[in-house]
């Protein structure tokens, strides 16, 4: 068993990055992290090769994807299948999300946003 303290807590991005991703856990079948986007921020993520689940822990935004869009806020859970283009827009309050990737997320070597790793 492992407890991940402070997962889902908003962390201000470090300039010049518009977002912040902190990986908390990596195991053979899954990885977990916190993704933070400030109010009125820009979500620059690309489609992933992994299935993805977001749990909104704070803030509000619209998630836009190939299959549609929806307004989300704290308590909402979003599933995005591997390969689907998606990003958050209209971020009206600092957005913080717990992100679960299965299988574990492989950082994009050309656009490495996943530089932070929690101990």
PDB file of N, CA and C in Angstrom:
ATOM      1  N   UNK A   1       0.843  -1.179   0.000  1.00  0.00           N
ATOM      2  CA  UNK A   1       0.000   0.000   0.000  1.00  0.00           C
ATOM      3  C   UNK A   1       0.883   1.234   0.000  1.00  0.00           C
ATOM      4  N   UNK A   2       0.371   2.286  -0.605  1.00  0.00           N
ATOM      5  CA  UNK A   2       1.085   3.565  -0.611  1.00  0.00           C
ATOM      6  C   UNK A   2       0.069   4.693  -0.561  1.00  0.00           C
ATOM      7  N   UNK A   3       0.305   5.658   0.316  1.00  0.00           N
ATOM      8  CA  UNK A   3      -0.543   6.847   0.421  1.00  0.00           C
ATOM      9  C   UNK A   3       0.153   7.983  -0.328  1.00  0.00           C
ATOM     10  N   UNK A   4      -0.576   8.664  -1.198  1.00  0.00           N
ATOM     11  CA  UNK A   4      -0.028   9.805  -1.928  1.00  0.00           C
ATOM     12  C   UNK A   4      -0.616  11.065  -1.300  1.00  0.00           C
ATOM     13  N   UNK A   5       0.188  11.749  -0.524  1.00  0.00           N
ATOM     14  CA  UNK A   5      -0.284  12.958   0.153  1.00  0.00           C
ATOM     15  C   UNK A   5      -0.270  14.149  -0.803  1.00  0.00           C
ATOM     16  N   UNK A   6      -1.278  14.975  -0.682  1.00  0.00           N
ATOM     17  CA  UNK A   6      -1.415  16.221  -1.421  1.00  0.00           C
ATOM     18  C   UNK A   6      -1.609  16.023  -2.926  1.00  0.00           C
ATOM     19  N   UNK A   7      -1.997  14.841  -3.348  1.00  0.00           N
ATOM     20  CA  UNK A   7      -2.333  14.632  -4.757  1.00  0.00           C
ATOM     21  C   UNK A   7      -3.553  15.481  -5.085  1.00  0.00           C
ATOM     22  N   UNK A   8      -3.529  16.090  -6.237  1.00  0.00           N
ATOM     23  CA  UNK A   8      -4.658  16.912  -6.660  1.00  0.00           C
ATOM     24  C   UNK A   8      -4.638  18.334  -6.166  1.00  0.00           C
ATOM     25  N   UNK A   9      -3.577  18.741  -5.472  1.00  0.00           N
ATOM     26  CA  UNK A   9      -3.463  20.121  -4.993  1.00  0.00           C
ATOM     27  C   UNK A   9      -2.849  20.979  -6.098  1.00  0.00           C
ATOM     28  N   UNK A  10      -3.456  22.122  -6.399  1.00  0.00           N
ATOM     29  CA  UNK A  10      -2.971  23.017  -7.446  1.00  0.00           C
ATOM     30  C   UNK A  10      -1.541  23.460  -7.145  1.00  0.00           C
ATOM     31  N   UNK A  11      -0.677  23.388  -8.172  1.00  0.00           N
ATOM     32  CA  UNK A  11       0.702  23.859  -8.081  1.00  0.00           C
ATOM     33  C   UNK A  11       0.940  24.808  -9.245  1.00  0.00           C
ATOM     34  N   UNK A  12       1.342  26.023  -8.960  1.00  0.00           N
ATOM     35  CA  UNK A  12       1.556  27.033  -9.988  1.00  0.00           C
ATOM     36  C   UNK A  12       2.647  26.588 -10.959  1.00  0.00           C
ATOM     37  N   UNK A  13       2.386  26.686 -12.260  1.00  0.00           N
ATOM     38  CA  UNK A  13       3.416  26.335 -13.242  1.00  0.00           C
ATOM     39  C   UNK A  13       4.635  27.242 -13.126  1.00  0.00           C
ATOM     40  N   UNK A  14       5.779  26.704 -13.495  1.00  0.00           N
ATOM     41  CA  UNK A  14       7.018  27.455 -13.506  1.00  0.00           C
ATOM     42  C   UNK A  14       7.228  28.011 -14.914  1.00  0.00           C
ATOM     43  N   UNK A  15       7.400  29.328 -15.025  1.00  0.00           N
ATOM     44  CA  UNK A  15       7.588  29.970 -16.331  1.00  0.00           C
ATOM     45  C   UNK A  15       8.785  29.349 -17.031  1.00  0.00           C
ATOM     46  N   UNK A  16       8.727  29.150 -18.314  1.00  0.00           N
ATOM     47  CA  UNK A  16       7.693  29.612 -19.245  1.00  0.00           C
ATOM     48  C   UNK A  16       6.568  28.600 -19.475  1.00  0.00           C
ATOM     49  N   UNK A  17       6.567  27.469 -18.768  1.00  0.00           N
ATOM     50  CA  UNK A  17       5.544  26.441 -18.983  1.00  0.00           C
ATOM     51  C   UNK A  17       4.156  26.956 -18.603  1.00  0.00           C
ATOM     52  N   UNK A  18       3.138  26.710 -19.453  1.00  0.00           N
ATOM     53  CA  UNK A  18       1.781  27.172 -19.146  1.00  0.00           C
ATOM     54  C   UNK A  18       1.031  26.246 -18.186  1.00  0.00           C
ATOM     55  N   UNK A  19       1.552  25.024 -17.989  1.00  0.00           N
ATOM     56  CA  UNK A  19       0.899  24.047 -17.123  1.00  0.00           C
ATOM     57  C   UNK A  19       1.947  23.381 -16.245  1.00  0.00           C
ATOM     58  N   UNK A  20       1.473  22.570 -15.284  1.00  0.00           N
ATOM     59  CA  UNK A  20       2.401  21.837 -14.411  1.00  0.00           C
ATOM     60  C   UNK A  20       1.869  20.430 -14.209  1.00  0.00           C
ATOM     61  N   UNK A  21       2.706  19.436 -14.444  1.00  0.00           N
ATOM     62  CA  UNK A  21       2.354  18.048 -14.183  1.00  0.00           C
ATOM     63  C   UNK A  21       3.392  17.482 -13.228  1.00  0.00           C
ATOM     64  N   UNK A  22       2.920  16.894 -12.134  1.00  0.00           N
ATOM     65  CA  UNK A  22       3.803  16.254 -11.156  1.00  0.00           C
ATOM     66  C   UNK A  22       3.385  14.801 -11.052  1.00  0.00           C
ATOM     67  N   UNK A  23       4.296  13.914 -11.408  1.00  0.00           N
ATOM     68  CA  UNK A  23       4.001  12.486 -11.298  1.00  0.00           C
ATOM     69  C   UNK A  23       4.216  12.048  -9.854  1.00  0.00           C
ATOM     70  N   UNK A  24       3.218  11.367  -9.295  1.00  0.00           N
ATOM     71  CA  UNK A  24       3.284  10.902  -7.907  1.00  0.00           C
ATOM     72  C   UNK A  24       3.596   9.423  -7.789  1.00  0.00           C
ATOM     73  N   UNK A  25       3.194   8.646  -8.784  1.00  0.00           N
ATOM     74  CA  UNK A  25       3.316   7.195  -8.695  1.00  0.00           C
ATOM     75  C   UNK A  25       3.486   6.608 -10.085  1.00  0.00           C
ATOM     76  N   UNK A  26       4.381   5.639 -10.177  1.00  0.00           N
ATOM     77  CA  UNK A  26       4.557   4.871 -11.416  1.00  0.00           C
ATOM     78  C   UNK A  26       4.677   3.412 -11.023  1.00  0.00           C
ATOM     79  N   UNK A  27       3.809   2.589 -11.588  1.00  0.00           N
ATOM     80  CA  UNK A  27       3.812   1.153 -11.344  1.00  0.00           C
ATOM     81  C   UNK A  27       3.717   0.467 -12.708  1.00  0.00           C
ATOM     82  N   UNK A  28       3.883  -0.845 -12.770  1.00  0.00           N
ATOM     83  CA  UNK A  28       3.876  -1.516 -14.079  1.00  0.00           C
ATOM     84  C   UNK A  28       2.627  -1.257 -14.930  1.00  0.00           C
ATOM     85  N   UNK A  29       1.452  -1.113 -14.346  1.00  0.00           N
ATOM     86  CA  UNK A  29       0.237  -0.955 -15.131  1.00  0.00           C
ATOM     87  C   UNK A  29      -0.402   0.411 -15.117  1.00  0.00           C
ATOM     88  N   UNK A  30       0.148   1.361 -14.332  1.00  0.00           N
ATOM     89  CA  UNK A  30      -0.536   2.639 -14.141  1.00  0.00           C
ATOM     90  C   UNK A  30       0.449   3.712 -13.671  1.00  0.00           C
ATOM     91  N   UNK A  31       0.130   4.967 -13.964  1.00  0.00           N
ATOM     92  CA  UNK A  31       0.850   6.089 -13.355  1.00  0.00           C
ATOM     93  C   UNK A  31      -0.191   7.113 -12.921  1.00  0.00           C
ATOM     94  N   UNK A  32       0.153   7.887 -11.885  1.00  0.00           N
ATOM     95  CA  UNK A  32      -0.761   8.868 -11.304  1.00  0.00           C
ATOM     96  C   UNK A  32      -0.004  10.168 -11.084  1.00  0.00           C
ATOM     97  N   UNK A  33      -0.652  11.275 -11.413  1.00  0.00           N
ATOM     98  CA  UNK A  33      -0.034  12.575 -11.194  1.00  0.00           C
ATOM     99  C   UNK A  33      -1.074  13.643 -10.981  1.00  0.00           C
ATOM    100  N   UNK A  34      -0.593  14.866 -10.757  1.00  0.00           N
ATOM    101  CA  UNK A  34      -1.460  16.034 -10.625  1.00  0.00           C
ATOM    102  C   UNK A  34      -1.143  16.994 -11.756  1.00  0.00           C
ATOM    103  N   UNK A  35      -2.176  17.436 -12.455  1.00  0.00           N
ATOM    104  CA  UNK A  35      -2.043  18.379 -13.568  1.00  0.00           C
ATOM    105  C   UNK A  35      -2.692  19.682 -13.138  1.00  0.00           C
ATOM    106  N   UNK A  36      -1.950  20.797 -13.256  1.00  0.00           N
ATOM    107  CA  UNK A  36      -2.440  22.112 -12.840  1.00  0.00           C
ATOM    108  C   UNK A  36      -2.379  23.094 -14.005  1.00  0.00           C
ATOM    109  N   UNK A  37      -3.482  23.830 -14.175  1.00  0.00           N
ATOM    110  CA  UNK A  37      -3.552  24.873 -15.194  1.00  0.00           C
ATOM    111  C   UNK A  37      -4.140  26.117 -14.517  1.00  0.00           C
ATOM    112  N   UNK A  38      -3.434  27.245 -14.550  1.00  0.00           N
ATOM    113  CA  UNK A  38      -3.964  28.432 -13.891  1.00  0.00           C
ATOM    114  C   UNK A  38      -5.190  29.023 -14.593  1.00  0.00           C
ATOM    115  N   UNK A  39      -5.950  29.785 -13.840  1.00  0.00           N
ATOM    116  CA  UNK A  39      -7.110  30.514 -14.367  1.00  0.00           C
ATOM    117  C   UNK A  39      -6.698  31.276 -15.623  1.00  0.00           C
ATOM    118  N   UNK A  40      -7.519  31.176 -16.647  1.00  0.00           N
ATOM    119  CA  UNK A  40      -7.266  31.799 -17.952  1.00  0.00           C
ATOM    120  C   UNK A  40      -6.016  31.252 -18.627  1.00  0.00           C
ATOM    121  N   UNK A  41      -5.512  30.124 -18.171  1.00  0.00           N
ATOM    122  CA  UNK A  41      -4.301  29.531 -18.722  1.00  0.00           C
ATOM    123  C   UNK A  41      -4.532  28.830 -20.051  1.00  0.00           C
ATOM    124  N   UNK A  42      -3.437  28.301 -20.595  1.00  0.00           N
ATOM    125  CA  UNK A  42      -3.450  27.617 -21.879  1.00  0.00           C
ATOM    126  C   UNK A  42      -2.993  26.172 -21.679  1.00  0.00           C
ATOM    127  N   UNK A  43      -3.839  25.235 -22.051  1.00  0.00           N
ATOM    128  CA  UNK A  43      -3.523  23.811 -21.952  1.00  0.00           C
ATOM    129  C   UNK A  43      -2.872  23.381 -23.257  1.00  0.00           C
ATOM    130  N   UNK A  44      -1.588  23.058 -23.201  1.00  0.00           N
ATOM    131  CA  UNK A  44      -0.835  22.737 -24.410  1.00  0.00           C
ATOM    132  C   UNK A  44      -0.620  21.242 -24.631  1.00  0.00           C
ATOM    133  N   UNK A  45      -1.355  20.395 -23.931  1.00  0.00           N
ATOM    134  CA  UNK A  45      -1.125  18.953 -24.061  1.00  0.00           C
ATOM    135  C   UNK A  45      -1.542  18.420 -25.421  1.00  0.00           C
ATOM    136  N   UNK A  46      -0.956  17.277 -25.762  1.00  0.00           N
ATOM    137  CA  UNK A  46      -1.249  16.576 -27.007  1.00  0.00           C
ATOM    138  C   UNK A  46      -1.943  15.254 -26.664  1.00  0.00           C
ATOM    139  N   UNK A  47      -2.487  14.601 -27.664  1.00  0.00           N
ATOM    140  CA  UNK A  47      -3.112  13.298 -27.444  1.00  0.00           C
ATOM    141  C   UNK A  47      -2.071  12.334 -26.877  1.00  0.00           C
ATOM    142  N   UNK A  48      -2.507  11.440 -26.011  1.00  0.00           N
ATOM    143  CA  UNK A  48      -1.608  10.476 -25.368  1.00  0.00           C
ATOM    144  C   UNK A  48      -1.813   9.086 -25.949  1.00  0.00           C
ATOM    145  N   UNK A  49      -0.811   8.239 -25.783  1.00  0.00           N
ATOM    146  CA  UNK A  49      -0.899   6.853 -26.245  1.00  0.00           C
ATOM    147  C   UNK A  49      -1.558   5.960 -25.192  1.00  0.00           C
ATOM    148  N   UNK A  50      -1.923   6.538 -24.055  1.00  0.00           N
ATOM    149  CA  UNK A  50      -2.489   5.777 -22.940  1.00  0.00           C
ATOM    150  C   UNK A  50      -3.932   6.217 -22.687  1.00  0.00           C
ATOM    151  N   UNK A  51      -4.754   5.310 -22.147  1.00  0.00           N
ATOM    152  CA  UNK A  51      -6.057   5.712 -21.635  1.00  0.00           C
ATOM    153  C   UNK A  51      -5.806   6.636 -20.451  1.00  0.00           C
ATOM    154  N   UNK A  52      -6.751   7.555 -20.222  1.00  0.00           N
ATOM    155  CA  UNK A  52      -6.524   8.574 -19.202  1.00  0.00           C
ATOM    156  C   UNK A  52      -7.828   8.851 -18.445  1.00  0.00           C
ATOM    157  N   UNK A  53      -7.709   8.970 -17.145  1.00  0.00           N
ATOM    158  CA  UNK A  53      -8.830   9.376 -16.305  1.00  0.00           C
ATOM    159  C   UNK A  53      -8.407  10.622 -15.547  1.00  0.00           C
ATOM    160  N   UNK A  54      -9.244  11.656 -15.597  1.00  0.00           N
ATOM    161  CA  UNK A  54      -9.035  12.888 -14.836  1.00  0.00           C
ATOM    162  C   UNK A  54     -10.056  12.929 -13.712  1.00  0.00           C
ATOM    163  N   UNK A  55      -9.620  13.309 -12.518  1.00  0.00           N
ATOM    164  CA  UNK A  55     -10.525  13.611 -11.414  1.00  0.00           C
ATOM    165  C   UNK A  55     -10.304  15.079 -11.097  1.00  0.00           C
ATOM    166  N   UNK A  56     -11.318  15.910 -11.320  1.00  0.00           N
ATOM    167  CA  UNK A  56     -11.191  17.348 -11.056  1.00  0.00           C
ATOM    168  C   UNK A  56     -11.266  17.558  -9.556  1.00  0.00           C
ATOM    169  N   UNK A  57     -10.198  18.124  -8.978  1.00  0.00           N
ATOM    170  CA  UNK A  57     -10.167  18.357  -7.538  1.00  0.00           C
ATOM    171  C   UNK A  57     -10.410  19.820  -7.178  1.00  0.00           C
ATOM    172  N   UNK A  58     -10.186  20.733  -8.121  1.00  0.00           N
ATOM    173  CA  UNK A  58     -10.426  22.159  -7.874  1.00  0.00           C
ATOM    174  C   UNK A  58     -10.551  22.875  -9.209  1.00  0.00           C
ATOM    175  N   UNK A  59     -11.280  23.971  -9.193  1.00  0.00           N
ATOM    176  CA  UNK A  59     -11.398  24.807 -10.375  1.00  0.00           C
ATOM    177  C   UNK A  59     -12.545  24.417 -11.280  1.00  0.00           C
ATOM    178  N   UNK A  60     -12.578  25.094 -12.435  1.00  0.00           N
ATOM    179  CA  UNK A  60     -13.626  24.853 -13.419  1.00  0.00           C
ATOM    180  C   UNK A  60     -13.085  25.192 -14.799  1.00  0.00           C
ATOM    181  N   UNK A  61     -13.529  24.412 -15.793  1.00  0.00           N
ATOM    182  CA  UNK A  61     -13.083  24.605 -17.172  1.00  0.00           C
ATOM    183  C   UNK A  61     -14.025  23.842 -18.095  1.00  0.00           C
ATOM    184  N   UNK A  62     -13.783  23.987 -19.380  1.00  0.00           N
ATOM    185  CA  UNK A  62     -14.456  23.166 -20.372  1.00  0.00           C
ATOM    186  C   UNK A  62     -13.421  22.216 -20.936  1.00  0.00           C
ATOM    187  N   UNK A  63     -13.736  20.929 -20.989  1.00  0.00           N
ATOM    188  CA  UNK A  63     -12.857  19.986 -21.675  1.00  0.00           C
ATOM    189  C   UNK A  63     -13.374  19.861 -23.095  1.00  0.00           C
ATOM    190  N   UNK A  64     -12.475  20.024 -24.035  1.00  0.00           N
ATOM    191  CA  UNK A  64     -12.792  19.884 -25.445  1.00  0.00           C
ATOM    192  C   UNK A  64     -12.090  18.639 -25.942  1.00  0.00           C
ATOM    193  N   UNK A  65     -12.784  17.817 -26.700  1.00  0.00           N
ATOM    194  CA  UNK A  65     -12.217  16.587 -27.256  1.00  0.00           C
ATOM    195  C   UNK A  65     -12.803  16.341 -28.635  1.00  0.00           C
ATOM    196  N   UNK A  66     -12.199  15.390 -29.349  1.00  0.00           N
ATOM    197  CA  UNK A  66     -12.704  15.010 -30.673  1.00  0.00           C
ATOM    198  C   UNK A  66     -14.184  14.649 -30.628  1.00  0.00           C
ATOM    199  N   UNK A  67     -14.629  14.082 -29.516  1.00  0.00           N
ATOM    200  CA  UNK A  67     -15.996  13.566 -29.410  1.00  0.00           C
ATOM    201  C   UNK A  67     -16.989  14.542 -28.800  1.00  0.00           C
ATOM    202  N   UNK A  68     -16.539  15.753 -28.430  1.00  0.00           N
ATOM    203  CA  UNK A  68     -17.449  16.735 -27.863  1.00  0.00           C
ATOM    204  C   UNK A  68     -16.784  17.565 -26.790  1.00  0.00           C
ATOM    205  N   UNK A  69     -17.582  18.349 -26.087  1.00  0.00           N
ATOM    206  CA  UNK A  69     -17.060  19.185 -25.012  1.00  0.00           C
ATOM    207  C   UNK A  69     -18.071  19.231 -23.869  1.00  0.00           C
ATOM    208  N   UNK A  70     -17.556  19.559 -22.668  1.00  0.00           N
ATOM    209  CA  UNK A  70     -18.426  19.645 -21.493  1.00  0.00           C
ATOM    210  C   UNK A  70     -17.773  20.535 -20.450  1.00  0.00           C
ATOM    211  N   UNK A  71     -18.592  21.210 -19.699  1.00  0.00           N
ATOM    212  CA  UNK A  71     -18.115  22.018 -18.575  1.00  0.00           C
ATOM    213  C   UNK A  71     -17.860  21.070 -17.410  1.00  0.00           C
ATOM    214  N   UNK A  72     -16.701  21.216 -16.726  1.00  0.00           N
ATOM    215  CA  UNK A  72     -16.348  20.354 -15.598  1.00  0.00           C
ATOM    216  C   UNK A  72     -15.899  21.204 -14.410  1.00  0.00           C
ATOM    217  N   UNK A  73     -16.079  20.644 -13.220  1.00  0.00           N
ATOM    218  CA  UNK A  73     -15.655  21.311 -11.989  1.00  0.00           C
ATOM    219  C   UNK A  73     -15.356  20.249 -10.933  1.00  0.00           C
ATOM    220  N   UNK A  74     -14.963  20.692  -9.750  1.00  0.00           N
ATOM    221  CA  UNK A  74     -14.553  19.784  -8.679  1.00  0.00           C
ATOM    222  C   UNK A  74     -15.559  18.658  -8.479  1.00  0.00           C
ATOM    223  N   UNK A  75     -15.023  17.439  -8.423  1.00  0.00           N
ATOM    224  CA  UNK A  75     -15.850  16.257  -8.231  1.00  0.00           C
ATOM    225  C   UNK A  75     -16.143  15.491  -9.507  1.00  0.00           C
ATOM    226  N   UNK A  76     -15.936  16.114 -10.666  1.00  0.00           N
ATOM    227  CA  UNK A  76     -16.197  15.433 -11.934  1.00  0.00           C
ATOM    228  C   UNK A  76     -15.050  14.493 -12.285  1.00  0.00           C
ATOM    229  N   UNK A  77     -15.395  13.405 -12.961  1.00  0.00           N
ATOM    230  CA  UNK A  77     -14.423  12.428 -13.446  1.00  0.00           C
ATOM    231  C   UNK A  77     -14.578  12.342 -14.962  1.00  0.00           C
ATOM    232  N   UNK A  78     -13.447  12.383 -15.673  1.00  0.00           N
ATOM    233  CA  UNK A  78     -13.448  12.400 -17.136  1.00  0.00           C
ATOM    234  C   UNK A  78     -12.606  11.232 -17.634  1.00  0.00           C
ATOM    235  N   UNK A  79     -13.120  10.487 -18.594  1.00  0.00           N
ATOM    236  CA  UNK A  79     -12.357   9.416 -19.235  1.00  0.00           C
ATOM    237  C   UNK A  79     -12.025   9.841 -20.659  1.00  0.00           C
ATOM    238  N   UNK A  80     -10.743   9.747 -21.024  1.00  0.00           N
ATOM    239  CA  UNK A  80     -10.308  10.050 -22.385  1.00  0.00           C
ATOM    240  C   UNK A  80      -9.545   8.834 -22.907  1.00  0.00           C
ATOM    241  N   UNK A  81     -10.045   8.193 -23.962  1.00  0.00           N
ATOM    242  CA  UNK A  81      -9.340   7.019 -24.491  1.00  0.00           C
ATOM    243  C   UNK A  81      -8.038   7.396 -25.180  1.00  0.00           C
ATOM    244  N   UNK A  82      -7.133   6.443 -25.249  1.00  0.00           N
ATOM    245  CA  UNK A  82      -5.840   6.646 -25.893  1.00  0.00           C
ATOM    246  C   UNK A  82      -6.037   7.204 -27.300  1.00  0.00           C
ATOM    247  N   UNK A  83      -5.218   8.183 -27.654  1.00  0.00           N
ATOM    248  CA  UNK A  83      -5.230   8.747 -28.996  1.00  0.00           C
ATOM    249  C   UNK A  83      -6.220   9.864 -29.246  1.00  0.00           C
ATOM    250  N   UNK A  84      -7.155  10.100 -28.321  1.00  0.00           N
ATOM    251  CA  UNK A  84      -8.151  11.154 -28.547  1.00  0.00           C
ATOM    252  C   UNK A  84      -7.556  12.522 -28.239  1.00  0.00           C
ATOM    253  N   UNK A  85      -7.665  13.431 -29.204  1.00  0.00           N
ATOM    254  CA  UNK A  85      -7.202  14.801 -28.993  1.00  0.00           C
ATOM    255  C   UNK A  85      -8.120  15.463 -27.978  1.00  0.00           C
ATOM    256  N   UNK A  86      -7.537  16.140 -26.995  1.00  0.00           N
ATOM    257  CA  UNK A  86      -8.327  16.803 -25.952  1.00  0.00           C
ATOM    258  C   UNK A  86      -7.494  17.878 -25.273  1.00  0.00           C
ATOM    259  N   UNK A  87      -8.169  18.872 -24.723  1.00  0.00           N
ATOM    260  CA  UNK A  87      -7.520  19.891 -23.907  1.00  0.00           C
ATOM    261  C   UNK A  87      -8.590  20.678 -23.158  1.00  0.00           C
ATOM    262  N   UNK A  88      -8.125  21.414 -22.144  1.00  0.00           N
ATOM    263  CA  UNK A  88      -9.028  22.221 -21.329  1.00  0.00           C
ATOM    264  C   UNK A  88      -8.998  23.661 -21.816  1.00  0.00           C
ATOM    265  N   UNK A  89     -10.176  24.277 -21.906  1.00  0.00           N
ATOM    266  CA  UNK A  89     -10.330  25.667 -22.348  1.00  0.00           C
ATOM    267  C   UNK A  89     -11.259  26.390 -21.378  1.00  0.00           C
ATOM    268  N   UNK A  90     -11.368  27.698 -21.536  1.00  0.00           N
ATOM    269  CA  UNK A  90     -12.263  28.509 -20.696  1.00  0.00           C
ATOM    270  C   UNK A  90     -12.061  28.199 -19.216  1.00  0.00           C
ATOM    271  N   UNK A  91     -10.822  28.247 -18.779  1.00  0.00           N
ATOM    272  CA  UNK A  91     -10.476  27.918 -17.394  1.00  0.00           C
ATOM    273  C   UNK A  91     -10.807  29.129 -16.525  1.00  0.00           C
ATOM    274  N   UNK A  92     -11.895  29.016 -15.762  1.00  0.00           N
ATOM    275  CA  UNK A  92     -12.405  30.157 -15.010  1.00  0.00           C
ATOM    276  C   UNK A  92     -11.881  30.225 -13.575  1.00  0.00           C
ATOM    277  N   UNK A  93     -11.256  29.165 -13.115  1.00  0.00           N
ATOM    278  CA  UNK A  93     -10.624  29.126 -11.789  1.00  0.00           C
ATOM    279  C   UNK A  93      -9.470  28.146 -11.880  1.00  0.00           C
ATOM    280  N   UNK A  94      -8.402  28.392 -11.088  1.00  0.00           N
ATOM    281  CA  UNK A  94      -7.239  27.499 -11.114  1.00  0.00           C
ATOM    282  C   UNK A  94      -7.707  26.053 -11.130  1.00  0.00           C
ATOM    283  N   UNK A  95      -7.279  25.312 -12.159  1.00  0.00           N
ATOM    284  CA  UNK A  95      -7.748  23.953 -12.380  1.00  0.00           C
ATOM    285  C   UNK A  95      -6.707  22.956 -11.903  1.00  0.00           C
ATOM    286  N   UNK A  96      -7.140  22.023 -11.076  1.00  0.00           N
ATOM    287  CA  UNK A  96      -6.269  20.971 -10.572  1.00  0.00           C
ATOM    288  C   UNK A  96      -6.952  19.637 -10.786  1.00  0.00           C
ATOM    289  N   UNK A  97      -6.191  18.683 -11.346  1.00  0.00           N
ATOM    290  CA  UNK A  97      -6.753  17.389 -11.699  1.00  0.00           C
ATOM    291  C   UNK A  97      -5.806  16.272 -11.282  1.00  0.00           C
ATOM    292  N   UNK A  98      -6.348  15.228 -10.705  1.00  0.00           N
ATOM    293  CA  UNK A  98      -5.585  13.999 -10.531  1.00  0.00           C
ATOM    294  C   UNK A  98      -5.709  13.273 -11.866  1.00  0.00           C
ATOM    295  N   UNK A  99      -4.577  12.797 -12.392  1.00  0.00           N
ATOM    296  CA  UNK A  99      -4.557  12.130 -13.683  1.00  0.00           C
ATOM    297  C   UNK A  99      -4.064  10.698 -13.498  1.00  0.00           C
ATOM    298  N   UNK A 100      -4.832   9.751 -14.011  1.00  0.00           N
ATOM    299  CA  UNK A 100      -4.460   8.338 -13.964  1.00  0.00           C
ATOM    300  C   UNK A 100      -4.256   7.878 -15.406  1.00  0.00           C
ATOM    301  N   UNK A 101      -3.060   7.384 -15.710  1.00  0.00           N
ATOM    302  CA  UNK A 101      -2.743   6.848 -17.032  1.00  0.00           C
ATOM    303  C   UNK A 101      -2.611   5.342 -16.933  1.00  0.00           C
ATOM    304  N   UNK A 102      -3.182   4.628 -17.904  1.00  0.00           N
ATOM    305  CA  UNK A 102      -3.011   3.183 -17.967  1.00  0.00           C
ATOM    306  C   UNK A 102      -2.848   2.792 -19.432  1.00  0.00           C
ATOM    307  N   UNK A 103      -1.731   2.182 -19.794  1.00  0.00           N
ATOM    308  CA  UNK A 103      -0.549   1.904 -18.981  1.00  0.00           C
ATOM    309  C   UNK A 103       0.142   3.203 -18.573  1.00  0.00           C
ATOM    310  N   UNK A 104       1.244   3.128 -17.827  1.00  0.00           N
ATOM    311  CA  UNK A 104       1.922   4.349 -17.370  1.00  0.00           C
ATOM    312  C   UNK A 104       2.241   5.294 -18.522  1.00  0.00           C
ATOM    313  N   UNK A 105       2.126   6.578 -18.231  1.00  0.00           N
ATOM    314  CA  UNK A 105       2.378   7.627 -19.218  1.00  0.00           C
ATOM    315  C   UNK A 105       3.847   7.659 -19.622  1.00  0.00           C
ATOM    316  N   UNK A 106       4.071   7.757 -20.925  1.00  0.00           N
ATOM    317  CA  UNK A 106       5.426   7.946 -21.453  1.00  0.00           C
ATOM    318  C   UNK A 106       5.553   9.391 -21.882  1.00  0.00           C
ATOM    319  N   UNK A 107       6.422  10.167 -21.241  1.00  0.00           N
ATOM    320  CA  UNK A 107       6.574  11.582 -21.611  1.00  0.00           C
ATOM    321  C   UNK A 107       6.967  11.750 -23.073  1.00  0.00           C
ATOM    322  N   UNK A 108       6.472  12.810 -23.667  1.00  0.00           N
ATOM    323  CA  UNK A 108       6.786  13.164 -25.047  1.00  0.00           C
ATOM    324  C   UNK A 108       8.197  13.751 -25.072  1.00  0.00           C
ATOM    325  N   UNK A 109       9.165  13.112 -25.753  1.00  0.00           N
ATOM    326  CA  UNK A 109      10.535  13.624 -25.737  1.00  0.00           C
ATOM    327  C   UNK A 109      10.691  14.967 -26.438  1.00  0.00           C
ATOM    328  N   UNK A 110       9.768  15.300 -27.353  1.00  0.00           N
ATOM    329  CA  UNK A 110       9.839  16.576 -28.057  1.00  0.00           C
ATOM    330  C   UNK A 110       9.232  17.704 -27.234  1.00  0.00           C
ATOM    331  N   UNK A 111       8.190  17.396 -26.454  1.00  0.00           N
ATOM    332  CA  UNK A 111       7.501  18.388 -25.625  1.00  0.00           C
ATOM    333  C   UNK A 111       7.434  17.874 -24.191  1.00  0.00           C
ATOM    334  N   UNK A 112       8.581  17.817 -23.498  1.00  0.00           N
ATOM    335  CA  UNK A 112       8.595  17.223 -22.150  1.00  0.00           C
ATOM    336  C   UNK A 112       7.980  18.136 -21.103  1.00  0.00           C
ATOM    337  N   UNK A 113       6.710  17.924 -20.816  1.00  0.00           N
ATOM    338  CA  UNK A 113       6.028  18.685 -19.778  1.00  0.00           C
ATOM    339  C   UNK A 113       6.179  17.977 -18.439  1.00  0.00           C
ATOM    340  N   UNK A 114       6.436  16.692 -18.482  1.00  0.00           N
ATOM    341  CA  UNK A 114       6.453  15.860 -17.284  1.00  0.00           C
ATOM    342  C   UNK A 114       7.807  15.877 -16.590  1.00  0.00           C
ATOM    343  N   UNK A 115       8.361  17.053 -16.357  1.00  0.00           N
ATOM    344  CA  UNK A 115       9.688  17.171 -15.762  1.00  0.00           C
ATOM    345  C   UNK A 115       9.670  16.961 -14.254  1.00  0.00           C
ATOM    346  N   UNK A 116       8.547  17.217 -13.618  1.00  0.00           N
ATOM    347  CA  UNK A 116       8.466  17.089 -12.165  1.00  0.00           C
ATOM    348  C   UNK A 116       8.119  15.663 -11.782  1.00  0.00           C
ATOM    349  N   UNK A 117       8.748  15.189 -10.760  1.00  0.00           N
ATOM    350  CA  UNK A 117       8.426  13.866 -10.230  1.00  0.00           C
ATOM    351  C   UNK A 117       8.459  13.954  -8.715  1.00  0.00           C
ATOM    352  N   UNK A 118       7.351  13.649  -8.089  1.00  0.00           N
ATOM    353  CA  UNK A 118       7.298  13.671  -6.634  1.00  0.00           C
ATOM    354  C   UNK A 118       8.017  12.450  -6.092  1.00  0.00           C
ATOM    355  N   UNK A 119       8.560  12.596  -4.904  1.00  0.00           N
ATOM    356  CA  UNK A 119       9.297  11.468  -4.291  1.00  0.00           C
ATOM    357  C   UNK A 119       8.353  10.407  -3.791  1.00  0.00           C
TER     358      UNK A 119
END
